C-alpha atoms as a PDB file:
ATOM      1  CA  MET A   1      -0.053  -0.027   0.036  1.00  0.00           C
ATOM      2  CA  SER A   2       2.936   2.358   0.532  1.00  0.00           C
ATOM      3  CA  ARG A   3       3.481   2.577  -3.341  1.00  0.00           C
ATOM      4  CA  ILE A   4       0.015   4.106  -3.590  1.00  0.00           C
ATOM      5  CA  GLY A   5       0.972   6.988  -1.393  1.00  0.00           C
ATOM      6  CA  ARG A   6       3.882   7.708  -3.723  1.00  0.00           C
ATOM      7  CA  ASN A   7       1.945   7.576  -6.949  1.00  0.00           C
ATOM      8  CA  VAL A   8      -0.743  10.215  -6.651  1.00  0.00           C
ATOM      9  CA  ALA A   9      -2.252   9.527 -10.000  1.00  0.00           C
ATOM     10  CA  SER A  10      -1.928   5.839 -10.227  1.00  0.00           C
ATOM     11  CA  ALA A  11      -4.715   3.311 -11.030  1.00  0.00           C
ATOM     12  CA  VAL A  12      -4.677   0.011  -9.234  1.00  0.00           C
ATOM     13  CA  LEU A  13      -6.499  -3.139 -10.048  1.00  0.00           C
ATOM     14  CA  VAL A  14      -7.726  -4.888  -6.872  1.00  0.00           C
ATOM     15  CA  VAL A  15      -9.718  -8.108  -6.281  1.00  0.00           C
ATOM     16  CA  MET A  16     -11.659  -9.200  -3.346  1.00  0.00           C
ATOM     17  CA  ALA A  17      -9.550 -10.913  -0.737  1.00  0.00           C
ATOM     18  CA  SER A  18     -10.784 -14.226   0.654  1.00  0.00           C
ATOM     19  CA  LEU A  19      -9.231 -13.573   4.059  1.00  0.00           C
ATOM     20  CA  ALA A  20     -12.629 -14.017   5.768  1.00  0.00           C
ATOM     21  CA  ALA A  21     -13.087 -17.446   4.505  1.00  0.00           C
ATOM     22  CA  THR A  22     -11.947 -20.394   6.522  1.00  0.00           C
ATOM     23  CA  GLU A  23      -9.004 -22.636   5.308  1.00  0.00           C
ATOM     24  CA  ALA A  24     -11.522 -25.493   4.558  1.00  0.00           C
ATOM     25  CA  GLN A  25     -13.595 -23.204   2.379  1.00  0.00           C
ATOM     26  CA  GLN A  26     -10.589 -22.122   0.515  1.00  0.00           C
ATOM     27  CA  LYS A  27      -9.512 -25.743  -0.071  1.00  0.00           C
ATOM     28  CA  ALA A  28     -13.019 -26.685  -1.175  1.00  0.00           C
ATOM     29  CA  ARG A  29     -13.102 -23.917  -3.780  1.00  0.00           C
ATOM     30  CA  ALA A  30      -9.577 -24.853  -4.988  1.00  0.00           C
ATOM     31  CA  ALA A  31     -10.771 -28.359  -5.486  1.00  0.00           C
ATOM     32  CA  GLN A  32     -13.964 -27.191  -7.391  1.00  0.00           C
ATOM     33  CA  GLU A  33     -12.147 -24.803  -9.648  1.00  0.00           C
ATOM     34  CA  SER A  34      -8.434 -24.839 -10.559  1.00  0.00           C
ATOM     35  CA  VAL A  35      -6.480 -21.959 -11.947  1.00  0.00           C
ATOM     36  CA  SER A  36      -6.367 -23.574 -15.378  1.00  0.00           C
ATOM     37  CA  SER A  37     -10.134 -23.623 -15.677  1.00  0.00           C
ATOM     38  CA  PHE A  38     -10.746 -20.074 -14.385  1.00  0.00           C
ATOM     39  CA  PRO A  39     -13.071 -18.359 -15.288  1.00  0.00           C
ATOM     40  CA  ARG A  40     -16.147 -20.436 -15.822  1.00  0.00           C
ATOM     41  CA  LYS A  41     -18.393 -17.387 -16.037  1.00  0.00           C
ATOM     42  CA  PRO A  42     -18.240 -13.676 -16.900  1.00  0.00           C
ATOM     43  CA  VAL A  43     -16.046 -11.524 -14.675  1.00  0.00           C
ATOM     44  CA  ARG A  44     -16.817  -7.886 -13.762  1.00  0.00           C
ATOM     45  CA  ILE A  45     -14.478  -4.931 -12.979  1.00  0.00           C
ATOM     46  CA  ILE A  46     -16.175  -2.331 -10.867  1.00  0.00           C
ATOM     47  CA  VAL A  47     -14.898   1.320 -11.550  1.00  0.00           C
ATOM     48  CA  GLY A  48     -15.558   4.191  -9.270  1.00  0.00           C
ATOM     49  CA  SER A  49     -16.080   6.780 -11.993  1.00  0.00           C
ATOM     50  CA  ALA A  50     -18.505   7.635 -14.822  1.00  0.00           C
ATOM     51  CA  PRO A  51     -17.694   6.496 -18.363  1.00  0.00           C
ATOM     52  CA  GLY A  52     -14.897   8.551 -20.002  1.00  0.00           C
ATOM     53  CA  GLY A  53     -12.621   8.968 -16.940  1.00  0.00           C
ATOM     54  CA  GLY A  54      -8.998   7.776 -16.768  1.00  0.00           C
ATOM     55  CA  SER A  55      -9.910   4.741 -14.695  1.00  0.00           C
ATOM     56  CA  ASP A  56     -12.737   3.801 -16.908  1.00  0.00           C
ATOM     57  CA  ILE A  57     -10.615   3.980 -20.014  1.00  0.00           C
ATOM     58  CA  THR A  58      -7.899   1.878 -18.291  1.00  0.00           C
ATOM     59  CA  ALA A  59     -10.565  -0.717 -17.151  1.00  0.00           C
ATOM     60  CA  ARG A  60     -11.930  -1.169 -20.549  1.00  0.00           C
ATOM     61  CA  ILE A  61      -8.515  -1.763 -22.015  1.00  0.00           C
ATOM     62  CA  VAL A  62      -7.867  -4.274 -19.375  1.00  0.00           C
ATOM     63  CA  ALA A  63     -11.295  -5.875 -19.733  1.00  0.00           C
ATOM     64  CA  GLN A  64     -10.732  -6.200 -23.526  1.00  0.00           C
ATOM     65  CA  LYS A  65      -7.363  -7.971 -23.072  1.00  0.00           C
ATOM     66  CA  LEU A  66      -8.667 -10.309 -20.380  1.00  0.00           C
ATOM     67  CA  THR A  67     -11.567 -11.300 -22.528  1.00  0.00           C
ATOM     68  CA  GLU A  68      -9.156 -12.195 -25.271  1.00  0.00           C
ATOM     69  CA  VAL A  69      -6.987 -14.266 -22.906  1.00  0.00           C
ATOM     70  CA  TRP A  70      -9.693 -15.925 -20.915  1.00  0.00           C
ATOM     71  CA  GLY A  71     -12.300 -16.480 -23.736  1.00  0.00           C
ATOM     72  CA  ARG A  72     -14.923 -15.128 -21.292  1.00  0.00           C
ATOM     73  CA  SER A  73     -16.651 -11.808 -21.091  1.00  0.00           C
ATOM     74  CA  VAL A  74     -15.102  -9.217 -18.701  1.00  0.00           C
ATOM     75  CA  ILE A  75     -17.705  -6.530 -18.086  1.00  0.00           C
ATOM     76  CA  VAL A  76     -16.932  -2.986 -16.775  1.00  0.00           C
ATOM     77  CA  GLU A  77     -19.506  -1.728 -14.292  1.00  0.00           C
ATOM     78  CA  ASN A  78     -19.380   1.983 -13.497  1.00  0.00           C
ATOM     79  CA  ARG A  79     -20.288   3.276 -10.069  1.00  0.00           C
ATOM     80  CA  SER A  80     -20.298   7.029 -10.410  1.00  0.00           C
ATOM     81  CA  GLY A  81     -20.167   9.256  -7.342  1.00  0.00           C
ATOM     82  CA  THR A  82     -17.578   9.027  -4.601  1.00  0.00           C
ATOM     83  CA  ALA A  83     -14.754   6.570  -5.401  1.00  0.00           C
ATOM     84  CA  LEU A  84     -15.681   4.756  -2.187  1.00  0.00           C
ATOM     85  CA  TYR A  85     -18.820   3.250  -3.792  1.00  0.00           C
ATOM     86  CA  ALA A  86     -16.704   0.968  -6.078  1.00  0.00           C
ATOM     87  CA  LEU A  87     -14.365   0.031  -3.217  1.00  0.00           C
ATOM     88  CA  GLU A  88     -17.358  -0.882  -1.069  1.00  0.00           C
ATOM     89  CA  ALA A  89     -19.023  -2.861  -3.771  1.00  0.00           C
ATOM     90  CA  THR A  90     -15.824  -4.756  -4.375  1.00  0.00           C
ATOM     91  CA  ALA A  91     -15.315  -5.412  -0.688  1.00  0.00           C
ATOM     92  CA  LYS A  92     -18.765  -6.731  -0.161  1.00  0.00           C
ATOM     93  CA  ALA A  93     -18.800  -8.969  -3.306  1.00  0.00           C
ATOM     94  CA  THR A  94     -18.541 -12.770  -2.990  1.00  0.00           C
ATOM     95  CA  PRO A  95     -14.602 -13.386  -2.683  1.00  0.00           C
ATOM     96  CA  ASP A  96     -14.494 -15.890  -5.525  1.00  0.00           C
ATOM     97  CA  GLY A  97     -12.303 -13.951  -8.009  1.00  0.00           C
ATOM     98  CA  TYR A  98     -15.219 -13.012 -10.301  1.00  0.00           C
ATOM     99  CA  THR A  99     -15.380  -9.373  -8.941  1.00  0.00           C
ATOM    100  CA  MET A 100     -12.559  -7.004  -9.294  1.00  0.00           C
ATOM    101  CA  GLY A 101     -12.282  -3.308  -8.739  1.00  0.00           C
ATOM    102  CA  MET A 102     -10.388  -0.517 -10.496  1.00  0.00           C
ATOM    103  CA  GLY A 103      -9.190   1.932  -7.664  1.00  0.00           C
ATOM    104  CA  THR A 104      -7.140   5.063  -7.719  1.00  0.00           C
ATOM    105  CA  PHE A 105      -5.343   7.174  -5.263  1.00  0.00           C
ATOM    106  CA  ASN A 106      -8.699   9.057  -4.699  1.00  0.00           C
ATOM    107  CA  ALA A 107     -10.424   5.972  -3.488  1.00  0.00           C
ATOM    108  CA  TYR A 108      -7.682   4.931  -1.021  1.00  0.00           C
ATOM    109  CA  LEU A 109      -7.249   8.481   0.254  1.00  0.00           C
ATOM    110  CA  LEU A 110     -10.983   8.722   1.002  1.00  0.00           C
ATOM    111  CA  ALA A 111     -10.992   5.169   2.506  1.00  0.00           C
ATOM    112  CA  VAL A 112      -8.251   6.258   4.963  1.00  0.00           C
ATOM    113  CA  VAL A 113      -9.848   9.484   6.043  1.00  0.00           C
ATOM    114  CA  SER A 114     -13.502   8.539   6.061  1.00  0.00           C
ATOM    115  CA  PRO A 115     -14.648   8.023   9.680  1.00  0.00           C
ATOM    116  CA  ASN A 116     -17.819   5.834   8.858  1.00  0.00           C
ATOM    117  CA  LEU A 117     -16.317   3.421   6.400  1.00  0.00           C
ATOM    118  CA  ARG A 118     -18.414   0.298   6.092  1.00  0.00           C
ATOM    119  CA  PHE A 119     -15.670  -2.171   5.157  1.00  0.00           C
ATOM    120  CA  ASN A 120     -12.085  -2.869   6.309  1.00  0.00           C
ATOM    121  CA  LEU A 121      -9.650  -1.711   3.626  1.00  0.00           C
ATOM    122  CA  ALA A 122      -6.774  -3.837   4.851  1.00  0.00           C
ATOM    123  CA  ARG A 123      -8.971  -6.929   5.433  1.00  0.00           C
ATOM    124  CA  ASP A 124     -11.436  -6.934   2.649  1.00  0.00           C
ATOM    125  CA  ILE A 125      -9.486  -5.726  -0.375  1.00  0.00           C
ATOM    126  CA  GLU A 126      -6.484  -7.426  -1.837  1.00  0.00           C
ATOM    127  CA  PRO A 127      -4.199  -5.431  -4.212  1.00  0.00           C
ATOM    128  CA  VAL A 128      -3.302  -7.296  -7.379  1.00  0.00           C
ATOM    129  CA  SER A 129      -1.154  -4.914  -9.477  1.00  0.00           C
ATOM    130  CA  GLN A 130      -0.427  -1.409 -10.236  1.00  0.00           C
ATOM    131  CA  LEU A 131      -1.540  -0.779 -13.869  1.00  0.00           C
ATOM    132  CA  THR A 132      -0.833   2.775 -14.712  1.00  0.00           C
ATOM    133  CA  SER A 133       0.574   6.062 -13.351  1.00  0.00           C
ATOM    134  CA  GLN A 134      -1.390   8.870 -14.994  1.00  0.00           C
ATOM    135  CA  PRO A 135      -0.254  12.490 -14.959  1.00  0.00           C
ATOM    136  CA  TYR A 136      -2.873  15.039 -14.033  1.00  0.00           C
ATOM    137  CA  LEU A 137      -3.105  18.214 -16.346  1.00  0.00           C
ATOM    138  CA  LEU A 138      -4.737  21.558 -15.583  1.00  0.00           C
ATOM    139  CA  VAL A 139      -7.071  22.249 -18.419  1.00  0.00           C
ATOM    140  CA  VAL A 140      -9.199  25.294 -19.074  1.00  0.00           C
ATOM    141  CA  HIS A 141     -11.970  26.336 -21.460  1.00  0.00           C
ATOM    142  CA  PRO A 142     -10.717  28.357 -24.461  1.00  0.00           C
ATOM    143  CA  SER A 143     -12.563  31.426 -23.114  1.00  0.00           C
ATOM    144  CA  VAL A 144      -9.895  31.673 -20.467  1.00  0.00           C
ATOM    145  CA  THR A 145      -7.240  33.915 -21.871  1.00  0.00           C
ATOM    146  CA  GLY A 146      -3.503  33.613 -21.591  1.00  0.00           C
ATOM    147  CA  THR A 147      -1.083  30.946 -22.460  1.00  0.00           C
ATOM    148  CA  SER A 148       0.669  30.072 -19.188  1.00  0.00           C
ATOM    149  CA  LEU A 149      -0.111  29.152 -15.577  1.00  0.00           C
ATOM    150  CA  LYS A 150       1.014  32.678 -14.591  1.00  0.00           C
ATOM    151  CA  ASP A 151      -1.607  34.174 -16.994  1.00  0.00           C
ATOM    152  CA  LEU A 152      -4.251  31.881 -15.438  1.00  0.00           C
ATOM    153  CA  ILE A 153      -3.374  33.066 -11.978  1.00  0.00           C
ATOM    154  CA  ALA A 154      -3.665  36.723 -13.069  1.00  0.00           C
ATOM    155  CA  TYR A 155      -6.921  35.999 -14.881  1.00  0.00           C
ATOM    156  CA  ALA A 156      -8.463  34.355 -11.725  1.00  0.00           C
ATOM    157  CA  LYS A 157      -7.359  37.028  -9.518  1.00  0.00           C
ATOM    158  CA  SER A 158      -8.935  39.685 -11.557  1.00  0.00           C
ATOM    159  CA  ARG A 159     -12.156  37.797 -11.203  1.00  0.00           C
ATOM    160  CA  PRO A 160     -12.443  36.729  -7.532  1.00  0.00           C
ATOM    161  CA  GLY A 161     -15.242  34.304  -6.795  1.00  0.00           C
ATOM    162  CA  LYS A 162     -16.419  34.303 -10.327  1.00  0.00           C
ATOM    163  CA  LEU A 163     -14.649  31.311 -11.800  1.00  0.00           C
ATOM    164  CA  ASN A 164     -15.682  27.594 -11.265  1.00  0.00           C
ATOM    165  CA  TYR A 165     -13.526  24.634 -11.436  1.00  0.00           C
ATOM    166  CA  ALA A 166     -14.875  20.979 -11.752  1.00  0.00           C
ATOM    167  CA  SER A 167     -13.625  17.838 -10.110  1.00  0.00           C
ATOM    168  CA  SER A 168     -14.630  14.131 -10.134  1.00  0.00           C
ATOM    169  CA  GLY A 169     -15.812  14.487  -6.488  1.00  0.00           C
ATOM    170  CA  THR A 170     -14.891  15.981  -3.122  1.00  0.00           C
ATOM    171  CA  GLY A 171     -11.630  14.793  -1.692  1.00  0.00           C
ATOM    172  CA  GLY A 172     -10.213  13.393  -4.930  1.00  0.00           C
ATOM    173  CA  ALA A 173      -6.890  14.300  -6.483  1.00  0.00           C
ATOM    174  CA  GLY A 174      -8.338  16.778  -8.869  1.00  0.00           C
ATOM    175  CA  HIS A 175     -10.065  18.597  -5.974  1.00  0.00           C
ATOM    176  CA  LEU A 176      -7.189  18.529  -3.526  1.00  0.00           C
ATOM    177  CA  GLY A 177      -4.715  19.489  -6.294  1.00  0.00           C
ATOM    178  CA  MET A 178      -6.745  22.569  -7.164  1.00  0.00           C
ATOM    179  CA  GLU A 179      -7.215  23.500  -3.595  1.00  0.00           C
ATOM    180  CA  LEU A 180      -3.495  23.318  -3.131  1.00  0.00           C
ATOM    181  CA  LEU A 181      -3.027  25.684  -6.092  1.00  0.00           C
ATOM    182  CA  LYS A 182      -5.538  28.054  -4.704  1.00  0.00           C
ATOM    183  CA  SER A 183      -3.776  28.146  -1.272  1.00  0.00           C
ATOM    184  CA  MET A 184      -0.418  28.748  -3.020  1.00  0.00           C
ATOM    185  CA  THR A 185      -1.618  31.535  -5.192  1.00  0.00           C
ATOM    186  CA  ALA A 186      -4.536  33.092  -3.270  1.00  0.00           C
ATOM    187  CA  MET A 187      -6.959  32.492  -6.173  1.00  0.00           C
ATOM    188  CA  ASP A 188     -10.605  32.664  -5.228  1.00  0.00           C
ATOM    189  CA  MET A 189     -12.603  30.050  -7.271  1.00  0.00           C
ATOM    190  CA  VAL A 190     -15.717  27.948  -6.631  1.00  0.00           C
ATOM    191  CA  HIS A 191     -15.496  24.137  -6.414  1.00  0.00           C
ATOM    192  CA  ILE A 192     -18.111  22.236  -8.374  1.00  0.00           C
ATOM    193  CA  PRO A 193     -17.936  18.421  -7.608  1.00  0.00           C
ATOM    194  CA  TYR A 194     -19.330  15.996 -10.173  1.00  0.00           C
ATOM    195  CA  ARG A 195     -20.157  12.360  -9.990  1.00  0.00           C
ATOM    196  CA  GLY A 196     -17.137  11.363 -11.955  1.00  0.00           C
ATOM    197  CA  ILE A 197     -14.771  13.366 -14.311  1.00  0.00           C
ATOM    198  CA  GLY A 198     -16.695  12.620 -17.441  1.00  0.00           C
ATOM    199  CA  PRO A 199     -19.639  14.792 -16.485  1.00  0.00           C
ATOM    200  CA  GLY A 200     -17.251  17.584 -15.424  1.00  0.00           C
ATOM    201  CA  ILE A 201     -15.406  17.490 -18.705  1.00  0.00           C
ATOM    202  CA  ILE A 202     -18.845  17.837 -20.538  1.00  0.00           C
ATOM    203  CA  ASP A 203     -19.616  20.917 -18.651  1.00  0.00           C
ATOM    204  CA  LEU A 204     -16.127  22.289 -19.127  1.00  0.00           C
ATOM    205  CA  LEU A 205     -16.424  21.882 -22.825  1.00  0.00           C
ATOM    206  CA  GLY A 206     -19.772  23.644 -22.727  1.00  0.00           C
ATOM    207  CA  GLY A 207     -18.286  26.586 -20.559  1.00  0.00           C
ATOM    208  CA  GLN A 208     -20.417  26.013 -17.490  1.00  0.00           C
ATOM    209  CA  VAL A 209     -17.125  25.580 -15.618  1.00  0.00           C
ATOM    210  CA  GLN A 210     -13.866  27.151 -16.469  1.00  0.00           C
ATOM    211  CA  MET A 211     -11.162  24.557 -15.541  1.00  0.00           C
ATOM    212  CA  LEU A 212     -10.298  21.287 -13.963  1.00  0.00           C
ATOM    213  CA  PHE A 213      -7.467  18.955 -13.020  1.00  0.00           C
ATOM    214  CA  GLY A 214      -8.010  15.772 -15.018  1.00  0.00           C
ATOM    215  CA  SER A 215      -5.884  12.683 -15.797  1.00  0.00           C
ATOM    216  CA  ALA A 216      -4.137  12.693 -19.129  1.00  0.00           C
ATOM    217  CA  PRO A 217      -6.179   9.972 -20.735  1.00  0.00           C
ATOM    218  CA  SER A 218      -9.536  11.683 -19.971  1.00  0.00           C
ATOM    219  CA  VAL A 219      -8.449  15.202 -21.170  1.00  0.00           C
ATOM    220  CA  ALA A 220      -5.896  14.619 -23.881  1.00  0.00           C
ATOM    221  CA  PRO A 221      -8.385  14.043 -26.837  1.00  0.00           C
ATOM    222  CA  HIS A 222     -10.005  17.450 -26.003  1.00  0.00           C
ATOM    223  CA  VAL A 223      -6.673  19.215 -25.728  1.00  0.00           C
ATOM    224  CA  GLN A 224      -5.395  17.741 -29.050  1.00  0.00           C
ATOM    225  CA  SER A 225      -8.703  18.663 -30.789  1.00  0.00           C
ATOM    226  CA  GLY A 226      -8.245  22.288 -29.465  1.00  0.00           C
ATOM    227  CA  LYS A 227     -11.476  22.228 -27.476  1.00  0.00           C
ATOM    228  CA  LEU A 228      -9.452  22.665 -24.180  1.00  0.00           C
ATOM    229  CA  LYS A 229      -6.210  24.295 -23.324  1.00  0.00           C
ATOM    230  CA  VAL A 230      -3.546  22.946 -20.956  1.00  0.00           C
ATOM    231  CA  LYS A 231      -2.038  25.292 -18.432  1.00  0.00           C
ATOM    232  CA  THR A 232       0.360  23.044 -16.587  1.00  0.00           C
ATOM    233  CA  PHE A 233       1.597  19.471 -16.304  1.00  0.00           C
ATOM    234  CA  PRO A 234       3.925  17.491 -14.008  1.00  0.00           C
ATOM    235  CA  ALA A 235       7.596  18.516 -14.507  1.00  0.00           C
ATOM    236  CA  THR A 236       8.576  14.897 -14.243  1.00  0.00           C
ATOM    237  CA  ARG A 237       6.604  13.728 -17.170  1.00  0.00           C
ATOM    238  CA  PRO A 238       7.255  14.037 -20.924  1.00  0.00           C
ATOM    239  CA  ARG A 239       5.202  16.912 -22.322  1.00  0.00           C
ATOM    240  CA  MET A 240       2.168  16.335 -24.422  1.00  0.00           C
ATOM    241  CA  SER A 241       2.538  17.516 -27.942  1.00  0.00           C
ATOM    242  CA  ALA A 242      -0.375  19.920 -27.493  1.00  0.00           C
ATOM    243  CA  SER A 243       0.940  21.414 -24.218  1.00  0.00           C
ATOM    244  CA  PRO A 244       2.248  24.963 -23.879  1.00  0.00           C
ATOM    245  CA  SER A 245       5.736  25.826 -22.636  1.00  0.00           C
ATOM    246  CA  ASN A 246       4.606  27.554 -19.539  1.00  0.00           C
ATOM    247  CA  LYS A 247       7.753  29.675 -19.412  1.00  0.00           C
END
């Protein structure tokens, strides 16, 4: 779990742990179904975001590849809203290997800080593999003038309280990242949380909100088509071809 803390924008594929089952039950299941015969029925991947988000895109790529390898359908099931919904659904599923969950840093962060969590993160969820590490980009509607982050800060400060920014939900990486930027620059903007990044991007494209922090897979097509503009990106990541210099 320590790796998750170091990879703020990483997506992690997890499956239900069978830790609550007895040793006898585990042996019985092993006798009924060997690894070579798995799976005998469709498998589902629960994703804590609306269609179109970075986790959803990653999950669908994984589902397609697993379907080809296993010869069985792997279905992506979206649970929009807080990322905890998907983790809870995964935790409460039958621990037989047929339910997996796509989790991100957002979900694990919320699970750690939520006081009324209805499952045990350490006991009920078994991490399988880190799949991706996705940079987050600050993107804005074309109506926001300027070409750099410095220009954006000046633009926002000249309009205190009049600009809105979207996020995939309260407490997520996009929300916390923007709040950190606000605290460092004294910008006054209104947070509009959505049930997943997809709906937020739709409203950003329509001009209902002016900016958001989004994962590269979810915003890159709109940046490359010119419908959104990038203001900043991680210094440790290769720059997107459509990204500005920011100097």
